């Protein structure tokens, strides 16, 4: 008899939660990176000779 935290449903839910967290981290870093690039480009354009 499997213990409660080793049932396939619990394992699947835990894996899904982990995957979802990784997706949110990826999205956060991606959006942060886009803004950094945008600010650098704005700086470059404003300070161009």
Protein backbone atom coordinates (compact mmCIF):
# COMPACT_ATOMS: atom_id res chain seq x y z
CA UNK A 1 0.00 0.00 0.00
CA UNK A 2 1.63 3.28 -1.13
CA UNK A 3 2.03 6.05 1.39
CA UNK A 4 0.04 9.20 0.81
CA UNK A 5 2.88 11.32 -0.58
CA UNK A 6 4.02 8.61 -3.02
CA UNK A 7 0.75 8.18 -4.90
CA UNK A 8 1.04 8.92 -8.63
CA UNK A 9 -1.41 11.83 -8.26
CA UNK A 10 0.69 13.50 -5.54
CA UNK A 11 3.89 12.95 -7.53
CA UNK A 12 2.32 14.40 -10.65
CA UNK A 13 1.05 17.41 -8.73
CA UNK A 14 4.46 18.02 -7.17
CA UNK A 15 6.17 17.78 -10.58
CA UNK A 16 3.58 20.10 -12.11
CA UNK A 17 4.10 22.67 -9.36
CA UNK A 18 7.86 22.52 -9.87
CA UNK A 19 7.51 22.90 -13.65
CA UNK A 20 5.12 25.84 -13.22
CA UNK A 21 7.57 27.58 -10.87
CA UNK A 22 10.37 27.13 -13.44
CA UNK A 23 8.16 28.63 -16.15
CA UNK A 24 7.43 31.69 -13.98
CA UNK A 25 11.14 32.11 -13.17
CA UNK A 26 11.98 31.89 -16.87
CA UNK A 27 9.29 34.45 -17.69
CA UNK A 28 10.50 36.81 -14.95
CA UNK A 29 14.15 36.67 -16.09
CA UNK A 30 13.09 37.05 -19.73
CA UNK A 31 11.00 40.16 -19.04
CA UNK A 32 13.72 41.62 -16.81
CA UNK A 33 16.29 41.04 -19.58
CA UNK A 34 14.08 42.69 -22.18
CA UNK A 35 13.80 45.79 -19.98
CA UNK A 36 17.56 45.94 -19.39
CA UNK A 37 18.16 45.75 -23.14
CA UNK A 38 15.50 48.42 -23.76
CA UNK A 39 17.07 50.81 -21.22
CA UNK A 40 20.54 50.28 -22.70
CA UNK A 41 19.19 50.99 -26.19
CA UNK A 42 17.35 54.11 -24.97
CA UNK A 43 20.58 55.29 -23.29
CA UNK A 44 22.55 54.63 -26.48
CA UNK A 45 20.07 56.54 -28.67
CA UNK A 46 19.84 59.52 -26.30
CA UNK A 47 23.61 59.79 -25.97
CA UNK A 48 24.44 59.28 -29.63
CA UNK A 49 26.47 62.08 -31.21
